[in-house]
Amino acid sequence: MRVDKWLAAVNVIKRRTIASDMVKSGVVYINGLKAKASKNVVVGDKITIEYLKGAKEFEVLQIPTTKTIPKSKKEEFVKEL
């Protein structure tokens, strides 16, 4: 699954267009490398998002098979480090 799609599907970022814009502006990193929107994420990847107030790091636990997941199941797909 593409990184921008994954960020929106697991409710890390509210909308895919925002996630895509963040990737294009260079604030999203996968395993320490600047990500492109087409980069696929796999289980075990570490995704870092650099916000203005500091960075947040997430670990990919699962790849969702649907477009979005319920917010109650977010912990099954992503772990905030």
C-alpha atoms as a PDB file:
ATOM      1  CA  MET A   1       0.000   0.000   0.000  1.00  0.00           C
ATOM      2  CA  ARG A   2       1.238   3.488  -0.845  1.00  0.00           C
ATOM      3  CA  VAL A   3       2.441   5.575   2.099  1.00  0.00           C
ATOM      4  CA  ASP A   4      -0.084   8.385   1.558  1.00  0.00           C
ATOM      5  CA  LYS A   5      -2.930   5.891   1.307  1.00  0.00           C
ATOM      6  CA  TRP A   6      -1.738   4.045   4.440  1.00  0.00           C
ATOM      7  CA  LEU A   7      -1.516   7.248   6.495  1.00  0.00           C
ATOM      8  CA  ALA A   8      -5.128   8.087   5.655  1.00  0.00           C
ATOM      9  CA  ALA A   9      -6.451   4.509   5.973  1.00  0.00           C
ATOM     10  CA  VAL A  10      -5.158   3.999   9.529  1.00  0.00           C
ATOM     11  CA  ASN A  11      -6.327   7.447  10.682  1.00  0.00           C
ATOM     12  CA  VAL A  12      -2.879   8.939  11.275  1.00  0.00           C
ATOM     13  CA  ILE A  13      -3.831  11.800   8.938  1.00  0.00           C
ATOM     14  CA  LYS A  14      -7.487  12.658   8.336  1.00  0.00           C
ATOM     15  CA  ARG A  15      -7.557  12.847   4.526  1.00  0.00           C
ATOM     16  CA  ARG A  16      -5.470  11.301   1.762  1.00  0.00           C
ATOM     17  CA  THR A  17      -5.015  14.645  -0.001  1.00  0.00           C
ATOM     18  CA  ILE A  18      -3.411  16.068   3.144  1.00  0.00           C
ATOM     19  CA  ALA A  19      -1.229  12.975   3.462  1.00  0.00           C
ATOM     20  CA  SER A  20      -0.178  13.306  -0.177  1.00  0.00           C
ATOM     21  CA  ASP A  21       0.660  16.994   0.294  1.00  0.00           C
ATOM     22  CA  MET A  22       2.740  16.191   3.386  1.00  0.00           C
ATOM     23  CA  VAL A  23       4.712  13.559   1.468  1.00  0.00           C
ATOM     24  CA  LYS A  24       5.279  15.986  -1.434  1.00  0.00           C
ATOM     25  CA  SER A  25       6.492  18.713   0.931  1.00  0.00           C
ATOM     26  CA  GLY A  26       9.103  16.342   2.372  1.00  0.00           C
ATOM     27  CA  VAL A  27       8.011  15.943   5.996  1.00  0.00           C
ATOM     28  CA  VAL A  28       7.339  12.179   5.837  1.00  0.00           C
ATOM     29  CA  TYR A  29      10.200   9.702   6.250  1.00  0.00           C
ATOM     30  CA  ILE A  30      10.199   5.914   5.975  1.00  0.00           C
ATOM     31  CA  ASN A  31      13.006   4.207   7.891  1.00  0.00           C
ATOM     32  CA  GLY A  32      14.921   7.494   7.984  1.00  0.00           C
ATOM     33  CA  LEU A  33      14.678   8.188   4.238  1.00  0.00           C
ATOM     34  CA  LYS A  34      12.506  10.906   2.708  1.00  0.00           C
ATOM     35  CA  ALA A  35       9.408   9.223   1.276  1.00  0.00           C
ATOM     36  CA  LYS A  36       7.753   9.638  -2.102  1.00  0.00           C
ATOM     37  CA  ALA A  37       3.973   9.229  -2.408  1.00  0.00           C
ATOM     38  CA  SER A  38       4.392   6.083  -4.502  1.00  0.00           C
ATOM     39  CA  LYS A  39       6.612   4.363  -1.899  1.00  0.00           C
ATOM     40  CA  ASN A  40       5.000   1.195  -0.574  1.00  0.00           C
ATOM     41  CA  VAL A  41       4.962   0.504   3.158  1.00  0.00           C
ATOM     42  CA  VAL A  42       5.478  -2.971   4.591  1.00  0.00           C
ATOM     43  CA  VAL A  43       4.971  -4.398   8.062  1.00  0.00           C
ATOM     44  CA  GLY A  44       7.780  -3.261  10.358  1.00  0.00           C
ATOM     45  CA  ASP A  45       8.497   0.065   8.631  1.00  0.00           C
ATOM     46  CA  LYS A  46       9.088   3.097  10.834  1.00  0.00           C
ATOM     47  CA  ILE A  47       7.322   6.209   9.540  1.00  0.00           C
ATOM     48  CA  THR A  48       8.318   9.617  10.883  1.00  0.00           C
ATOM     49  CA  ILE A  49       6.254  12.760  10.336  1.00  0.00           C
ATOM     50  CA  GLU A  50       7.913  16.073  11.150  1.00  0.00           C
ATOM     51  CA  TYR A  51       5.288  18.493  12.417  1.00  0.00           C
ATOM     52  CA  LEU A  52       6.072  22.111  13.327  1.00  0.00           C
ATOM     53  CA  LYS A  53       5.912  21.252  17.043  1.00  0.00           C
ATOM     54  CA  GLY A  54       8.089  18.139  16.735  1.00  0.00           C
ATOM     55  CA  ALA A  55       8.303  14.771  15.068  1.00  0.00           C
ATOM     56  CA  LYS A  56       6.043  11.777  15.610  1.00  0.00           C
ATOM     57  CA  GLU A  57       7.152   8.254  14.793  1.00  0.00           C
ATOM     58  CA  PHE A  58       4.887   5.335  13.942  1.00  0.00           C
ATOM     59  CA  GLU A  59       5.489   1.639  13.317  1.00  0.00           C
ATOM     60  CA  VAL A  60       3.491  -0.291  10.716  1.00  0.00           C
ATOM     61  CA  LEU A  61       1.910  -3.350  12.369  1.00  0.00           C
ATOM     62  CA  GLN A  62      -0.536  -4.359   9.608  1.00  0.00           C
ATOM     63  CA  ILE A  63      -1.610  -3.251   6.157  1.00  0.00           C
ATOM     64  CA  PRO A  64      -5.384  -2.633   5.981  1.00  0.00           C
ATOM     65  CA  THR A  65      -7.335  -4.392   3.254  1.00  0.00           C
ATOM     66  CA  THR A  66     -10.122  -1.796   3.194  1.00  0.00           C
ATOM     67  CA  LYS A  67     -10.114   1.907   2.342  1.00  0.00           C
ATOM     68  CA  THR A  68     -10.396   2.950   5.991  1.00  0.00           C
ATOM     69  CA  ILE A  69     -10.477   1.230   9.353  1.00  0.00           C
ATOM     70  CA  PRO A  70     -12.566   2.081  12.428  1.00  0.00           C
ATOM     71  CA  LYS A  71     -10.764   4.369  14.869  1.00  0.00           C
ATOM     72  CA  SER A  72     -11.290   1.755  17.589  1.00  0.00           C
ATOM     73  CA  LYS A  73      -9.042  -0.692  15.669  1.00  0.00           C
ATOM     74  CA  LYS A  74      -6.207   1.782  15.014  1.00  0.00           C
ATOM     75  CA  GLU A  75      -3.922   0.080  17.577  1.00  0.00           C
ATOM     76  CA  GLU A  76      -3.967  -3.140  15.487  1.00  0.00           C
ATOM     77  CA  PHE A  77      -2.487  -1.361  12.463  1.00  0.00           C
ATOM     78  CA  VAL A  78      -0.154   1.311  13.845  1.00  0.00           C
ATOM     79  CA  LYS A  79       1.893   1.832  16.992  1.00  0.00           C
ATOM     80  CA  GLU A  80       3.061   5.313  17.988  1.00  0.00           C
ATOM     81  CA  LEU A  81       6.638   5.282  19.229  1.00  0.00           C
END
